[in-house]
Amino acid sequence: MRAIAMAILAVTALSGCGTTTGDRGLSGAGIGAGIGLLAGPPGVAVGGAVGAVVGMATRPDTVNLGKPVWNN
């Protein structure tokens, strides 16, 4: 069950990223807060803040997963 939850989290994290700085910051904050939820209320605040900073600091082309499987 834990592996399925981690797979869903990874898919959600990768699909939530945007191309503008604001989109990446917002999706990073949401993802960080979701992961921080495991640690309780302080984890949500810290996770959201760290996720927002990382999302805004990265460029849209930083992560390149290659050609999508469905285009093969």
C-alpha atoms as a PDB file:
ATOM      1  CA  MET A   1       0.000   0.000   0.000  1.00  0.00           C
ATOM      2  CA  ARG A   2       2.865   2.372   0.823  1.00  0.00           C
ATOM      3  CA  ALA A   3       4.436   1.829  -2.625  1.00  0.00           C
ATOM      4  CA  ILE A   4       1.162   2.734  -4.316  1.00  0.00           C
ATOM      5  CA  ALA A   5       0.886   5.905  -2.232  1.00  0.00           C
ATOM      6  CA  MET A   6       4.447   6.907  -3.142  1.00  0.00           C
ATOM      7  CA  ALA A   7       3.766   6.273  -6.844  1.00  0.00           C
ATOM      8  CA  ILE A   8       0.636   8.418  -6.718  1.00  0.00           C
ATOM      9  CA  LEU A   9       2.596  11.148  -4.922  1.00  0.00           C
ATOM     10  CA  ALA A  10       5.353  11.074  -7.549  1.00  0.00           C
ATOM     11  CA  VAL A  11       2.882  11.268 -10.432  1.00  0.00           C
ATOM     12  CA  THR A  12       1.032  14.125  -8.764  1.00  0.00           C
ATOM     13  CA  ALA A  13       4.270  15.977  -8.059  1.00  0.00           C
ATOM     14  CA  LEU A  14       5.486  15.710 -11.637  1.00  0.00           C
ATOM     15  CA  SER A  15       2.146  16.594 -13.194  1.00  0.00           C
ATOM     16  CA  GLY A  16       1.611  19.615 -10.947  1.00  0.00           C
ATOM     17  CA  CYS A  17       4.617  21.604 -12.135  1.00  0.00           C
ATOM     18  CA  GLY A  18       3.975  24.594 -14.373  1.00  0.00           C
ATOM     19  CA  THR A  19       5.994  26.632 -16.800  1.00  0.00           C
ATOM     20  CA  THR A  20       5.799  30.051 -15.141  1.00  0.00           C
ATOM     21  CA  THR A  21       7.583  30.935 -11.910  1.00  0.00           C
ATOM     22  CA  GLY A  22       4.322  31.482 -10.061  1.00  0.00           C
ATOM     23  CA  ASP A  23       2.884  28.148 -11.213  1.00  0.00           C
ATOM     24  CA  ARG A  24       5.978  26.267 -10.110  1.00  0.00           C
ATOM     25  CA  GLY A  25       6.022  28.083  -6.749  1.00  0.00           C
ATOM     26  CA  LEU A  26       2.366  27.337  -6.110  1.00  0.00           C
ATOM     27  CA  SER A  27       2.580  23.691  -7.115  1.00  0.00           C
ATOM     28  CA  GLY A  28       5.817  23.303  -5.138  1.00  0.00           C
ATOM     29  CA  ALA A  29       4.128  24.744  -2.059  1.00  0.00           C
ATOM     30  CA  GLY A  30       1.219  22.339  -2.433  1.00  0.00           C
ATOM     31  CA  ILE A  31       3.467  19.340  -2.924  1.00  0.00           C
ATOM     32  CA  GLY A  32       5.708  20.346  -0.006  1.00  0.00           C
ATOM     33  CA  ALA A  33       2.729  20.891   2.271  1.00  0.00           C
ATOM     34  CA  GLY A  34       1.318  17.510   1.297  1.00  0.00           C
ATOM     35  CA  ILE A  35       4.571  15.766   2.118  1.00  0.00           C
ATOM     36  CA  GLY A  36       4.946  17.817   5.302  1.00  0.00           C
ATOM     37  CA  LEU A  37       1.513  16.618   6.404  1.00  0.00           C
ATOM     38  CA  LEU A  38       3.198  13.407   7.508  1.00  0.00           C
ATOM     39  CA  ALA A  39       5.036  15.397  10.209  1.00  0.00           C
ATOM     40  CA  GLY A  40       1.999  17.302  11.448  1.00  0.00           C
ATOM     41  CA  PRO A  41       1.180  21.043  11.384  1.00  0.00           C
ATOM     42  CA  PRO A  42       4.780  22.278  11.636  1.00  0.00           C
ATOM     43  CA  GLY A  43       5.709  19.995   8.744  1.00  0.00           C
ATOM     44  CA  VAL A  44       2.982  21.483   6.572  1.00  0.00           C
ATOM     45  CA  ALA A  45       4.309  25.018   7.077  1.00  0.00           C
ATOM     46  CA  VAL A  46       7.936  24.061   6.546  1.00  0.00           C
ATOM     47  CA  GLY A  47       7.155  21.765   3.616  1.00  0.00           C
ATOM     48  CA  GLY A  48       5.035  24.420   1.934  1.00  0.00           C
ATOM     49  CA  ALA A  49       7.710  27.085   2.343  1.00  0.00           C
ATOM     50  CA  VAL A  50      10.531  24.861   1.110  1.00  0.00           C
ATOM     51  CA  GLY A  51       8.428  23.590  -1.797  1.00  0.00           C
ATOM     52  CA  ALA A  52       7.549  27.117  -2.879  1.00  0.00           C
ATOM     53  CA  VAL A  53      11.168  28.264  -2.790  1.00  0.00           C
ATOM     54  CA  VAL A  54      12.406  25.230  -4.702  1.00  0.00           C
ATOM     55  CA  GLY A  55       9.590  25.551  -7.235  1.00  0.00           C
ATOM     56  CA  MET A  56      10.371  29.205  -7.903  1.00  0.00           C
ATOM     57  CA  ALA A  57      14.135  28.636  -8.004  1.00  0.00           C
ATOM     58  CA  THR A  58      14.043  25.955 -10.698  1.00  0.00           C
ATOM     59  CA  ARG A  59      13.587  26.462 -14.423  1.00  0.00           C
ATOM     60  CA  PRO A  60      10.894  24.580 -16.364  1.00  0.00           C
ATOM     61  CA  ASP A  61      13.538  22.621 -18.266  1.00  0.00           C
ATOM     62  CA  THR A  62      15.472  21.505 -15.181  1.00  0.00           C
ATOM     63  CA  VAL A  63      13.789  18.098 -15.090  1.00  0.00           C
ATOM     64  CA  ASN A  64      13.705  16.327 -18.430  1.00  0.00           C
ATOM     65  CA  LEU A  65      12.094  12.921 -18.240  1.00  0.00           C
ATOM     66  CA  GLY A  66      12.602  12.312 -21.936  1.00  0.00           C
ATOM     67  CA  LYS A  67      10.095  11.419 -24.590  1.00  0.00           C
ATOM     68  CA  PRO A  68       6.701  10.415 -23.132  1.00  0.00           C
ATOM     69  CA  VAL A  69       5.985   6.685 -23.256  1.00  0.00           C
ATOM     70  CA  TRP A  70       2.727   7.234 -25.130  1.00  0.00           C
ATOM     71  CA  ASN A  71       4.598   8.896 -28.024  1.00  0.00           C
ATOM     72  CA  ASN A  72       6.680   5.779 -28.778  1.00  0.00           C
END
